C-alpha atoms as a PDB file:
ATOM      1  CA  MET A   1      90.711  96.461 151.537  1.00  0.00           C
ATOM      2  CA  ALA A   2      88.251  95.154 153.691  1.00  0.00           C
ATOM      3  CA  GLY A   3      85.739  94.355 150.834  1.00  0.00           C
ATOM      4  CA  LEU A   4      83.598  97.117 151.132  1.00  0.00           C
ATOM      5  CA  GLU A   5      82.330  98.844 148.283  1.00  0.00           C
ATOM      6  CA  ILE A   6      82.984 102.828 148.452  1.00  0.00           C
ATOM      7  CA  ALA A   7      80.023 104.986 147.030  1.00  0.00           C
ATOM      8  CA  ALA A   8      81.577 108.022 147.770  1.00  0.00           C
ATOM      9  CA  GLY A   9      84.085 110.345 149.493  1.00  0.00           C
ATOM     10  CA  VAL A  10      83.632 113.946 150.713  1.00  0.00           C
ATOM     11  CA  ASP A  11      86.422 116.486 151.450  1.00  0.00           C
ATOM     12  CA  MET A  12      87.151 120.201 151.150  1.00  0.00           C
ATOM     13  CA  ASP A  13      90.570 119.643 149.971  1.00  0.00           C
ATOM     14  CA  PRO A  14      90.621 119.537 146.108  1.00  0.00           C
ATOM     15  CA  ARG A  15      94.195 117.656 146.336  1.00  0.00           C
ATOM     16  CA  CYS A  16      92.123 114.417 147.638  1.00  0.00           C
ATOM     17  CA  ARG A  17      90.497 113.964 144.123  1.00  0.00           C
ATOM     18  CA  TYR A  18      93.066 112.316 141.977  1.00  0.00           C
ATOM     19  CA  PRO A  19      94.354 109.916 144.945  1.00  0.00           C
ATOM     20  CA  PHE A  20      90.515 109.084 145.801  1.00  0.00           C
ATOM     21  CA  GLU A  21      89.118 108.348 142.309  1.00  0.00           C
ATOM     22  CA  THR A  22      92.356 106.750 141.395  1.00  0.00           C
ATOM     23  CA  ASN A  23      93.168 104.358 144.338  1.00  0.00           C
ATOM     24  CA  CYS A  24      89.475 103.690 145.461  1.00  0.00           C
ATOM     25  CA  ASP A  25      87.833 104.041 142.008  1.00  0.00           C
ATOM     26  CA  ALA A  26      84.665 105.852 143.530  1.00  0.00           C
ATOM     27  CA  VAL A  27      83.197 109.192 143.413  1.00  0.00           C
ATOM     28  CA  PHE A  28      84.780 112.268 144.826  1.00  0.00           C
ATOM     29  CA  VAL A  29      82.864 115.121 146.131  1.00  0.00           C
ATOM     30  CA  ARG A  30      84.467 118.375 147.091  1.00  0.00           C
ATOM     31  CA  LYS A  31      82.153 119.922 149.520  1.00  0.00           C
ATOM     32  CA  ASP A  32      81.884 120.922 153.443  1.00  0.00           C
ATOM     33  CA  VAL A  33      80.496 118.151 155.381  1.00  0.00           C
ATOM     34  CA  ALA A  34      78.331 120.751 156.844  1.00  0.00           C
ATOM     35  CA  GLN A  35      76.861 121.422 153.615  1.00  0.00           C
ATOM     36  CA  VAL A  36      76.145 117.445 152.418  1.00  0.00           C
ATOM     37  CA  THR A  37      72.486 116.564 152.993  1.00  0.00           C
ATOM     38  CA  ALA A  38      70.449 113.408 153.713  1.00  0.00           C
ATOM     39  CA  ASP A  39      69.207 113.720 150.015  1.00  0.00           C
ATOM     40  CA  ASP A  40      73.010 113.622 148.955  1.00  0.00           C
ATOM     41  CA  LEU A  41      73.858 110.497 151.019  1.00  0.00           C
ATOM     42  CA  ALA A  42      70.401 108.824 149.603  1.00  0.00           C
ATOM     43  CA  GLU A  43      71.727 109.481 146.199  1.00  0.00           C
ATOM     44  CA  TRP A  44      75.104 108.137 146.914  1.00  0.00           C
ATOM     45  CA  PHE A  45      74.045 104.853 148.868  1.00  0.00           C
ATOM     46  CA  GLY A  46      71.665 104.287 146.046  1.00  0.00           C
ATOM     47  CA  ASP A  47      69.404 101.050 146.984  1.00  0.00           C
ATOM     48  CA  ALA A  48      72.183  99.408 149.206  1.00  0.00           C
ATOM     49  CA  GLU A  49      70.901  97.256 151.631  1.00  0.00           C
ATOM     50  CA  ILE A  50      73.612  97.868 154.108  1.00  0.00           C
ATOM     51  CA  ARG A  51      74.803 101.651 154.416  1.00  0.00           C
ATOM     52  CA  VAL A  52      77.833 102.266 155.913  1.00  0.00           C
ATOM     53  CA  LEU A  53      78.677 106.106 156.926  1.00  0.00           C
ATOM     54  CA  ALA A  54      82.420 106.772 158.144  1.00  0.00           C
ATOM     55  CA  GLY A  55      83.365 110.399 159.089  1.00  0.00           C
ATOM     56  CA  CYS A  56      86.579 111.873 160.577  1.00  0.00           C
ATOM     57  CA  ALA A  57      86.266 115.311 161.335  1.00  0.00           C
ATOM     58  CA  PRO A  58      89.567 117.236 161.309  1.00  0.00           C
ATOM     59  CA  CYS A  59      91.258 116.462 164.334  1.00  0.00           C
ATOM     60  CA  GLN A  60      93.285 119.915 165.362  1.00  0.00           C
ATOM     61  CA  PRO A  61      90.471 121.560 167.628  1.00  0.00           C
ATOM     62  CA  PHE A  62      90.723 118.379 169.821  1.00  0.00           C
ATOM     63  CA  SER A  63      94.453 117.574 169.363  1.00  0.00           C
ATOM     64  CA  THR A  64      96.974 117.763 172.357  1.00  0.00           C
ATOM     65  CA  TYR A  65      98.832 120.787 170.136  1.00  0.00           C
ATOM     66  CA  SER A  66      95.769 122.677 170.591  1.00  0.00           C
ATOM     67  CA  GLN A  67      94.377 122.574 174.044  1.00  0.00           C
ATOM     68  CA  THR A  68      93.949 126.145 174.140  1.00  0.00           C
ATOM     69  CA  ARG A  69      91.280 126.536 171.215  1.00  0.00           C
ATOM     70  CA  LYS A  70      88.066 127.502 172.531  1.00  0.00           C
ATOM     71  CA  SER A  71      84.903 125.528 171.603  1.00  0.00           C
ATOM     72  CA  GLU A  72      84.000 128.473 169.060  1.00  0.00           C
ATOM     73  CA  ASP A  73      86.624 126.746 166.668  1.00  0.00           C
ATOM     74  CA  GLY A  74      84.038 126.428 163.629  1.00  0.00           C
ATOM     75  CA  ARG A  75      85.579 122.508 163.095  1.00  0.00           C
ATOM     76  CA  TRP A  76      84.152 121.596 166.513  1.00  0.00           C
ATOM     77  CA  LYS A  77      80.645 121.571 164.579  1.00  0.00           C
ATOM     78  CA  LEU A  78      81.910 119.307 162.075  1.00  0.00           C
ATOM     79  CA  LEU A  79      80.989 116.476 164.487  1.00  0.00           C
ATOM     80  CA  GLU A  80      77.843 117.805 164.995  1.00  0.00           C
ATOM     81  CA  SER A  81      77.033 118.026 161.219  1.00  0.00           C
ATOM     82  CA  PHE A  82      78.170 114.448 160.998  1.00  0.00           C
ATOM     83  CA  ARG A  83      76.031 113.437 163.862  1.00  0.00           C
ATOM     84  CA  ASP A  84      72.900 115.292 162.270  1.00  0.00           C
ATOM     85  CA  LEU A  85      73.718 113.625 158.815  1.00  0.00           C
ATOM     86  CA  ALA A  86      73.679 110.058 160.780  1.00  0.00           C
ATOM     87  CA  LEU A  87      70.578 110.678 162.155  1.00  0.00           C
ATOM     88  CA  ALA A  88      68.831 112.398 159.319  1.00  0.00           C
ATOM     89  CA  SER A  89      69.787 109.694 156.834  1.00  0.00           C
ATOM     90  CA  LEU A  90      69.857 106.415 159.832  1.00  0.00           C
ATOM     91  CA  PRO A  91      72.599 103.942 158.039  1.00  0.00           C
ATOM     92  CA  GLU A  92      72.962 100.555 159.209  1.00  0.00           C
ATOM     93  CA  ILE A  93      76.433 101.484 160.512  1.00  0.00           C
ATOM     94  CA  VAL A  94      78.263 104.554 161.435  1.00  0.00           C
ATOM     95  CA  THR A  95      81.922 104.756 162.262  1.00  0.00           C
ATOM     96  CA  MET A  96      84.002 107.465 163.623  1.00  0.00           C
ATOM     97  CA  GLU A  97      87.770 107.928 163.799  1.00  0.00           C
ATOM     98  CA  ASN A  98      89.373 110.995 165.832  1.00  0.00           C
ATOM     99  CA  VAL A  99      92.312 112.137 168.338  1.00  0.00           C
ATOM    100  CA  VAL A 100      91.785 110.725 171.849  1.00  0.00           C
ATOM    101  CA  GLY A 101      91.101 113.864 173.440  1.00  0.00           C
ATOM    102  CA  LEU A 102      87.874 114.271 171.702  1.00  0.00           C
ATOM    103  CA  ALA A 103      86.413 111.574 173.932  1.00  0.00           C
ATOM    104  CA  ALA A 104      86.858 113.834 177.293  1.00  0.00           C
ATOM    105  CA  ARG A 105      84.539 116.546 175.492  1.00  0.00           C
ATOM    106  CA  GLU A 106      81.092 117.010 175.924  1.00  0.00           C
ATOM    107  CA  VAL A 107      80.678 117.439 172.156  1.00  0.00           C
ATOM    108  CA  TRP A 108      82.010 113.388 172.385  1.00  0.00           C
ATOM    109  CA  GLU A 109      79.136 112.574 174.796  1.00  0.00           C
ATOM    110  CA  ASN A 110      76.580 114.371 173.080  1.00  0.00           C
ATOM    111  CA  PHE A 111      77.343 112.414 169.921  1.00  0.00           C
ATOM    112  CA  THR A 112      77.303 109.213 171.110  1.00  0.00           C
ATOM    113  CA  THR A 113      74.360 109.837 173.374  1.00  0.00           C
ATOM    114  CA  ALA A 114      72.471 110.992 170.118  1.00  0.00           C
ATOM    115  CA  LEU A 115      73.443 107.657 168.235  1.00  0.00           C
ATOM    116  CA  GLU A 116      72.177 105.401 171.222  1.00  0.00           C
ATOM    117  CA  GLY A 117      68.960 107.678 171.414  1.00  0.00           C
ATOM    118  CA  ALA A 118      68.207 106.801 167.583  1.00  0.00           C
ATOM    119  CA  GLY A 119      68.519 102.928 168.008  1.00  0.00           C
ATOM    120  CA  TYR A 120      72.028 102.162 167.640  1.00  0.00           C
ATOM    121  CA  HIS A 121      74.374  99.959 169.314  1.00  0.00           C
ATOM    122  CA  VAL A 122      77.185 101.982 170.264  1.00  0.00           C
ATOM    123  CA  VAL A 123      80.907 100.939 171.165  1.00  0.00           C
ATOM    124  CA  TRP A 124      84.092 103.101 171.255  1.00  0.00           C
ATOM    125  CA  ASN A 125      87.616 103.043 172.318  1.00  0.00           C
ATOM    126  CA  GLU A 126      90.914 104.379 172.148  1.00  0.00           C
ATOM    127  CA  VAL A 127      93.145 101.908 169.946  1.00  0.00           C
ATOM    128  CA  ARG A 128      96.839 101.819 169.398  1.00  0.00           C
ATOM    129  CA  CYS A 129      97.358 101.866 165.642  1.00  0.00           C
ATOM    130  CA  THR A 130     100.745  99.216 166.137  1.00  0.00           C
ATOM    131  CA  ASP A 131      97.879  96.762 167.286  1.00  0.00           C
ATOM    132  CA  PHE A 132      96.551  96.980 163.260  1.00  0.00           C
ATOM    133  CA  GLY A 133      99.756  96.463 161.408  1.00  0.00           C
ATOM    134  CA  VAL A 134     100.346 100.384 161.233  1.00  0.00           C
ATOM    135  CA  PRO A 135     103.913 100.670 162.028  1.00  0.00           C
ATOM    136  CA  GLN A 136     103.545 104.184 164.083  1.00  0.00           C
ATOM    137  CA  LYS A 137     102.821 105.116 167.417  1.00  0.00           C
ATOM    138  CA  ARG A 138      99.897 106.488 166.771  1.00  0.00           C
ATOM    139  CA  LYS A 139      96.633 106.237 169.220  1.00  0.00           C
ATOM    140  CA  ARG A 140      93.201 106.942 167.833  1.00  0.00           C
ATOM    141  CA  LEU A 141      89.845 106.983 169.257  1.00  0.00           C
ATOM    142  CA  VAL A 142      87.486 104.520 167.248  1.00  0.00           C
ATOM    143  CA  LEU A 143      83.821 104.667 167.219  1.00  0.00           C
ATOM    144  CA  LEU A 144      81.354 101.632 165.498  1.00  0.00           C
ATOM    145  CA  ALA A 145      77.642 101.940 165.911  1.00  0.00           C
ATOM    146  CA  SER A 146      75.071  99.442 164.650  1.00  0.00           C
ATOM    147  CA  ARG A 147      71.156  99.466 163.941  1.00  0.00           C
ATOM    148  CA  LEU A 148      71.714  95.839 163.385  1.00  0.00           C
ATOM    149  CA  GLY A 149      72.649  94.630 166.952  1.00  0.00           C
ATOM    150  CA  SER A 150      75.471  94.827 169.218  1.00  0.00           C
ATOM    151  CA  ILE A 151      78.834  95.078 167.265  1.00  0.00           C
ATOM    152  CA  ASP A 152      82.250  94.869 168.723  1.00  0.00           C
ATOM    153  CA  MET A 153      85.752  96.839 168.405  1.00  0.00           C
ATOM    154  CA  PRO A 154      87.970  95.467 165.688  1.00  0.00           C
ATOM    155  CA  THR A 155      90.285  92.851 167.071  1.00  0.00           C
ATOM    156  CA  PRO A 156      93.992  93.269 167.097  1.00  0.00           C
ATOM    157  CA  THR A 157      96.155  91.508 164.733  1.00  0.00           C
ATOM    158  CA  HIS A 158      99.507  92.691 165.565  1.00  0.00           C
ATOM    159  CA  ALA A 159      99.315  93.462 169.199  1.00  0.00           C
ATOM    160  CA  THR A 160     102.293  91.069 170.123  1.00  0.00           C
ATOM    161  CA  LYS A 161     104.501  91.975 167.253  1.00  0.00           C
ATOM    162  CA  PRO A 162     104.245  95.490 165.994  1.00  0.00           C
ATOM    163  CA  LEU A 163     105.613  96.466 162.458  1.00  0.00           C
ATOM    164  CA  THR A 164     108.744  98.514 163.036  1.00  0.00           C
ATOM    165  CA  VAL A 165     110.368 101.259 160.733  1.00  0.00           C
ATOM    166  CA  ARG A 166     112.733  98.299 159.406  1.00  0.00           C
ATOM    167  CA  ASP A 167     109.932  96.232 158.439  1.00  0.00           C
ATOM    168  CA  VAL A 168     108.704  98.706 155.959  1.00  0.00           C
ATOM    169  CA  ILE A 169     111.327 100.951 154.585  1.00  0.00           C
ATOM    170  CA  ALA A 170     114.403  99.344 154.461  1.00  0.00           C
ATOM    171  CA  GLN A 171     114.084  97.852 151.473  1.00  0.00           C
ATOM    172  CA  LEU A 172     113.891 101.478 149.635  1.00  0.00           C
ATOM    173  CA  PRO A 173     116.529 102.376 147.443  1.00  0.00           C
ATOM    174  CA  PRO A 174     119.059 105.255 149.337  1.00  0.00           C
ATOM    175  CA  ILE A 175     118.639 108.849 148.539  1.00  0.00           C
ATOM    176  CA  ALA A 176     120.237 112.284 149.668  1.00  0.00           C
ATOM    177  CA  ALA A 177     118.454 115.162 150.990  1.00  0.00           C
ATOM    178  CA  GLY A 178     117.184 117.608 148.604  1.00  0.00           C
ATOM    179  CA  SER A 179     117.672 115.017 146.025  1.00  0.00           C
ATOM    180  CA  ALA A 180     115.783 115.155 142.413  1.00  0.00           C
ATOM    181  CA  PRO A 181     113.121 112.385 142.132  1.00  0.00           C
ATOM    182  CA  SER A 182     113.799 109.288 140.888  1.00  0.00           C
ATOM    183  CA  LYS A 183     111.421 106.621 139.586  1.00  0.00           C
ATOM    184  CA  ASP A 184     108.986 107.420 142.119  1.00  0.00           C
ATOM    185  CA  PRO A 185     108.067 111.125 142.498  1.00  0.00           C
ATOM    186  CA  LEU A 186     107.176 110.486 146.288  1.00  0.00           C
ATOM    187  CA  HIS A 187     110.764 108.723 147.057  1.00  0.00           C
ATOM    188  CA  VAL A 188     112.023 112.466 147.468  1.00  0.00           C
ATOM    189  CA  ALA A 189     113.693 114.195 150.765  1.00  0.00           C
ATOM    190  CA  SER A 190     113.363 117.666 151.446  1.00  0.00           C
ATOM    191  CA  ARG A 191     116.574 119.667 151.402  1.00  0.00           C
ATOM    192  CA  LEU A 192     118.978 120.408 154.500  1.00  0.00           C
ATOM    193  CA  SER A 193     120.391 123.566 155.310  1.00  0.00           C
ATOM    194  CA  ALA A 194     124.293 123.663 156.134  1.00  0.00           C
ATOM    195  CA  THR A 195     123.620 123.790 159.806  1.00  0.00           C
ATOM    196  CA  ASN A 196     120.588 121.200 160.042  1.00  0.00           C
ATOM    197  CA  MET A 197     123.397 118.750 157.860  1.00  0.00           C
ATOM    198  CA  LYS A 198     125.824 119.108 160.779  1.00  0.00           C
ATOM    199  CA  ARG A 199     122.795 118.835 163.247  1.00  0.00           C
ATOM    200  CA  MET A 200     121.718 115.422 161.301  1.00  0.00           C
ATOM    201  CA  LYS A 201     125.384 114.085 161.218  1.00  0.00           C
ATOM    202  CA  ALA A 202     125.649 114.437 164.963  1.00  0.00           C
ATOM    203  CA  SER A 203     122.083 112.775 165.583  1.00  0.00           C
ATOM    204  CA  ARG A 204     121.630 109.267 166.210  1.00  0.00           C
ATOM    205  CA  ALA A 205     118.811 107.005 165.887  1.00  0.00           C
ATOM    206  CA  GLY A 206     116.546 107.363 168.793  1.00  0.00           C
ATOM    207  CA  GLY A 207     118.616 109.853 170.342  1.00  0.00           C
ATOM    208  CA  THR A 208     117.510 114.078 170.744  1.00  0.00           C
ATOM    209  CA  TRP A 209     119.585 117.162 170.146  1.00  0.00           C
ATOM    210  CA  ARG A 210     120.628 117.088 173.473  1.00  0.00           C
ATOM    211  CA  ASP A 211     123.383 114.375 171.871  1.00  0.00           C
ATOM    212  CA  TRP A 212     124.568 117.502 169.620  1.00  0.00           C
ATOM    213  CA  PRO A 213     127.914 119.851 170.347  1.00  0.00           C
ATOM    214  CA  LYS A 214     126.331 123.072 172.282  1.00  0.00           C
ATOM    215  CA  ASP A 215     127.323 125.106 169.328  1.00  0.00           C
ATOM    216  CA  LEU A 216     124.954 123.261 167.057  1.00  0.00           C
ATOM    217  CA  ARG A 217     121.775 123.543 169.358  1.00  0.00           C
ATOM    218  CA  ALA A 218     119.053 125.888 168.506  1.00  0.00           C
ATOM    219  CA  ALA A 219     118.436 129.280 170.474  1.00  0.00           C
ATOM    220  CA  CYS A 220     115.033 128.161 171.602  1.00  0.00           C
ATOM    221  CA  HIS A 221     116.041 124.872 173.086  1.00  0.00           C
ATOM    222  CA  THR A 222     119.190 126.410 175.210  1.00  0.00           C
ATOM    223  CA  LYS A 223     116.465 128.691 176.795  1.00  0.00           C
ATOM    224  CA  LYS A 224     114.660 127.083 180.014  1.00  0.00           C
ATOM    225  CA  THR A 225     111.236 126.837 178.209  1.00  0.00           C
ATOM    226  CA  GLY A 226     112.867 124.947 175.013  1.00  0.00           C
ATOM    227  CA  GLU A 227     114.360 121.864 177.106  1.00  0.00           C
ATOM    228  CA  THR A 228     110.761 119.934 177.233  1.00  0.00           C
ATOM    229  CA  TYR A 229     111.082 119.640 173.594  1.00  0.00           C
ATOM    230  CA  PRO A 230     113.400 116.468 172.804  1.00  0.00           C
ATOM    231  CA  ALA A 231     111.204 115.425 170.565  1.00  0.00           C
ATOM    232  CA  VAL A 232     111.958 117.801 167.643  1.00  0.00           C
ATOM    233  CA  TYR A 233     115.128 117.020 165.307  1.00  0.00           C
ATOM    234  CA  GLY A 234     115.518 113.160 166.090  1.00  0.00           C
ATOM    235  CA  ARG A 235     116.119 110.152 164.238  1.00  0.00           C
ATOM    236  CA  MET A 236     113.792 107.208 164.072  1.00  0.00           C
ATOM    237  CA  GLU A 237     114.763 103.735 165.166  1.00  0.00           C
ATOM    238  CA  TRP A 238     115.118 100.878 162.929  1.00  0.00           C
ATOM    239  CA  ASP A 239     113.539  98.528 165.182  1.00  0.00           C
ATOM    240  CA  LYS A 240     110.775 100.397 166.773  1.00  0.00           C
ATOM    241  CA  PRO A 241     107.357 101.600 165.181  1.00  0.00           C
ATOM    242  CA  ALA A 242     107.604 105.485 163.928  1.00  0.00           C
ATOM    243  CA  PRO A 243     106.944 108.320 165.683  1.00  0.00           C
ATOM    244  CA  THR A 244     103.085 109.707 164.499  1.00  0.00           C
ATOM    245  CA  ILE A 245     103.423 110.895 161.229  1.00  0.00           C
ATOM    246  CA  THR A 246     102.119 114.360 161.087  1.00  0.00           C
ATOM    247  CA  THR A 247     101.278 117.116 158.039  1.00  0.00           C
ATOM    248  CA  GLN A 248     104.560 118.057 158.829  1.00  0.00           C
ATOM    249  CA  CYS A 249     106.644 114.723 158.592  1.00  0.00           C
ATOM    250  CA  TYR A 250     109.158 115.618 155.739  1.00  0.00           C
ATOM    251  CA  GLY A 251     111.048 118.080 157.517  1.00  0.00           C
ATOM    252  CA  PHE A 252     113.634 116.948 160.052  1.00  0.00           C
ATOM    253  CA  GLY A 253     113.127 119.843 162.740  1.00  0.00           C
ATOM    254  CA  ASN A 254     109.386 119.167 162.876  1.00  0.00           C
ATOM    255  CA  GLY A 255     109.704 115.914 165.018  1.00  0.00           C
ATOM    256  CA  ARG A 256     111.354 112.611 165.215  1.00  0.00           C
ATOM    257  CA  PHE A 257     111.296 112.378 161.407  1.00  0.00           C
ATOM    258  CA  GLY A 258     115.012 111.667 160.498  1.00  0.00           C
ATOM    259  CA  HIS A 259     115.810 108.711 158.387  1.00  0.00           C
ATOM    260  CA  PRO A 260     117.466 106.110 161.210  1.00  0.00           C
ATOM    261  CA  ASP A 261     120.671 106.326 159.118  1.00  0.00           C
ATOM    262  CA  GLN A 262     120.817 108.239 155.948  1.00  0.00           C
ATOM    263  CA  ASP A 263     121.425 111.761 156.523  1.00  0.00           C
ATOM    264  CA  ARG A 264     117.894 113.433 155.469  1.00  0.00           C
ATOM    265  CA  ALA A 265     114.451 113.511 156.866  1.00  0.00           C
ATOM    266  CA  ILE A 266     112.264 110.933 155.563  1.00  0.00           C
ATOM    267  CA  SER A 267     110.610 110.956 152.070  1.00  0.00           C
ATOM    268  CA  LEU A 268     107.274 111.379 151.452  1.00  0.00           C
ATOM    269  CA  ARG A 269     107.082 107.656 150.147  1.00  0.00           C
ATOM    270  CA  GLU A 270     108.508 106.668 153.324  1.00  0.00           C
ATOM    271  CA  ALA A 271     106.044 108.821 155.272  1.00  0.00           C
ATOM    272  CA  ALA A 272     103.070 107.366 153.339  1.00  0.00           C
ATOM    273  CA  ILE A 273     104.309 103.802 153.834  1.00  0.00           C
ATOM    274  CA  LEU A 274     104.700 104.280 157.651  1.00  0.00           C
ATOM    275  CA  GLN A 275     101.029 105.602 157.513  1.00  0.00           C
ATOM    276  CA  SER A 276     100.363 102.276 156.244  1.00  0.00           C
ATOM    277  CA  PHE A 277      99.134 103.286 152.359  1.00  0.00           C
ATOM    278  CA  PRO A 278     100.442 100.438 150.330  1.00  0.00           C
ATOM    279  CA  PRO A 279     103.941 101.268 148.523  1.00  0.00           C
ATOM    280  CA  SER A 280     102.111 101.512 145.053  1.00  0.00           C
ATOM    281  CA  TYR A 281      99.430 103.962 146.215  1.00  0.00           C
ATOM    282  CA  ARG A 282      99.248 107.001 143.859  1.00  0.00           C
ATOM    283  CA  PHE A 283      98.865 110.391 145.168  1.00  0.00           C
ATOM    284  CA  VAL A 284      99.372 112.692 142.268  1.00  0.00           C
ATOM    285  CA  LYS A 285      99.050 112.452 138.475  1.00  0.00           C
ATOM    286  CA  GLU A 286     102.064 114.154 137.323  1.00  0.00           C
ATOM    287  CA  ALA A 287     105.569 114.106 139.462  1.00  0.00           C
ATOM    288  CA  LYS A 288     105.474 118.128 139.034  1.00  0.00           C
ATOM    289  CA  GLU A 289     102.221 118.304 141.340  1.00  0.00           C
ATOM    290  CA  ALA A 290     104.437 116.258 144.170  1.00  0.00           C
ATOM    291  CA  THR A 291     104.959 118.938 146.605  1.00  0.00           C
ATOM    292  CA  PHE A 292     106.342 118.311 150.069  1.00  0.00           C
ATOM    293  CA  ARG A 293     103.330 120.754 151.777  1.00  0.00           C
ATOM    294  CA  GLY A 294     100.486 119.381 149.631  1.00  0.00           C
ATOM    295  CA  LEU A 295     101.463 115.853 150.086  1.00  0.00           C
ATOM    296  CA  GLY A 296     102.197 116.108 153.853  1.00  0.00           C
ATOM    297  CA  ILE A 297      98.977 117.233 154.384  1.00  0.00           C
ATOM    298  CA  LEU A 298      97.220 114.278 152.584  1.00  0.00           C
ATOM    299  CA  ILE A 299      99.359 111.873 154.427  1.00  0.00           C
ATOM    300  CA  GLY A 300      99.483 113.372 157.847  1.00  0.00           C
ATOM    301  CA  ASN A 301      95.684 113.942 157.737  1.00  0.00           C
ATOM    302  CA  ALA A 302      94.818 110.604 156.496  1.00  0.00           C
ATOM    303  CA  VAL A 303      93.355 107.886 158.657  1.00  0.00           C
ATOM    304  CA  PRO A 304      95.869 105.454 158.856  1.00  0.00           C
ATOM    305  CA  PRO A 305      94.442 102.510 155.969  1.00  0.00           C
ATOM    306  CA  ARG A 306      95.398  99.713 158.006  1.00  0.00           C
ATOM    307  CA  LEU A 307      93.372 100.681 160.836  1.00  0.00           C
ATOM    308  CA  ALA A 308      90.813 101.836 158.419  1.00  0.00           C
ATOM    309  CA  GLN A 309      90.910  98.135 157.159  1.00  0.00           C
ATOM    310  CA  ALA A 310      90.454  96.446 160.449  1.00  0.00           C
ATOM    311  CA  VAL A 311      87.172  98.821 160.789  1.00  0.00           C
ATOM    312  CA  GLY A 312      85.776  97.544 157.784  1.00  0.00           C
ATOM    313  CA  ALA A 313      86.574  93.905 158.354  1.00  0.00           C
ATOM    314  CA  THR A 314      84.866  94.214 161.381  1.00  0.00           C
ATOM    315  CA  ILE A 315      82.068  95.432 159.679  1.00  0.00           C
ATOM    316  CA  VAL A 316      81.936  92.694 157.146  1.00  0.00           C
ATOM    317  CA  GLN A 317      81.941  90.120 160.037  1.00  0.00           C
ATOM    318  CA  HIS A 318      79.305  91.838 161.984  1.00  0.00           C
ATOM    319  CA  VAL A 319      76.933  92.456 158.865  1.00  0.00           C
ATOM    320  CA  ALA A 320      77.454  88.739 157.997  1.00  0.00           C
ATOM    321  CA  LYS A 321      76.849  87.626 161.642  1.00  0.00           C
ATOM    322  CA  THR A 322      73.328  89.689 161.912  1.00  0.00           C
ATOM    323  CA  ALA A 323      72.331  88.210 158.792  1.00  0.00           C
ATOM    324  CA  ALA A 324      73.014  84.890 159.665  1.00  0.00           C
ATOM    325  CA  VAL A 325      71.072  85.294 163.231  1.00  0.00           C
ATOM    326  CA  ASP A 326      68.242  86.971 161.213  1.00  0.00           C
ATOM    327  CA  HIS A 327      68.133  83.705 158.850  1.00  0.00           C
ATOM    328  CA  HIS A 328      67.357  81.331 161.644  1.00  0.00           C
END
């Protein structure tokens, strides 16, 4: 979308192969990043004049949902593996996206210091996805590092007028909870139990489970400890961005994932669009492969494409600018 040629993509999850190869028209490599070598990168980059290495280590170890995890979590080491790859191959540009909480960790400081030590100009900051045309209140940590000269953070494109839920999903045909897929195998919503359907009907856009009659409230919420979780069993609001789209975004009880006015959770296609995937993006070859859990993981774990596009556009502009300076 930004004009970079994608040489290869690496992921452990075999479900990534079809969407990656189909939509990006690039080589998919099923591999643990810790097993990728500088020789692998050299092969994929070929004789490219400008090489860009983009990474996103799994964010669960750094997420606010898992503050109790210790640094022994093996996934923390993936950031170190990515750093080692960058230092061994020294591509012209390195970019990284992750959860905001990572910036407070020693592993992040070690990562940025190592890049600077290798001659990279490094910038990083917390960014709001709504600033880049992602209709979602997600915040992310974005890093850009260049060996060509100083590089800037992406410039917001939608800072004053963020896209809303209405802007992007209002035109999709209405469907019922648990309905069979129509033309689009992803425009399907999960089933609701009889109790959850009553809860859904008692929910209002932007409200919480506190709006329900007492007999519908979950046992865990009636206890003192449950009172601090108002963000589950909620409906989205039409004229605001969506909440952060997670891997569980297809479940009404997993967050504020209720449709603003239809009695159901958002569909997989709606979740993908709210994550800023193009409406025509293909995730599966055949409809029967479209499982809620499998696609929830692909959609929720993805870097929002519009944010990635902004990073890509920044890299393209930076390379053009440094080339012009060199030319003079």
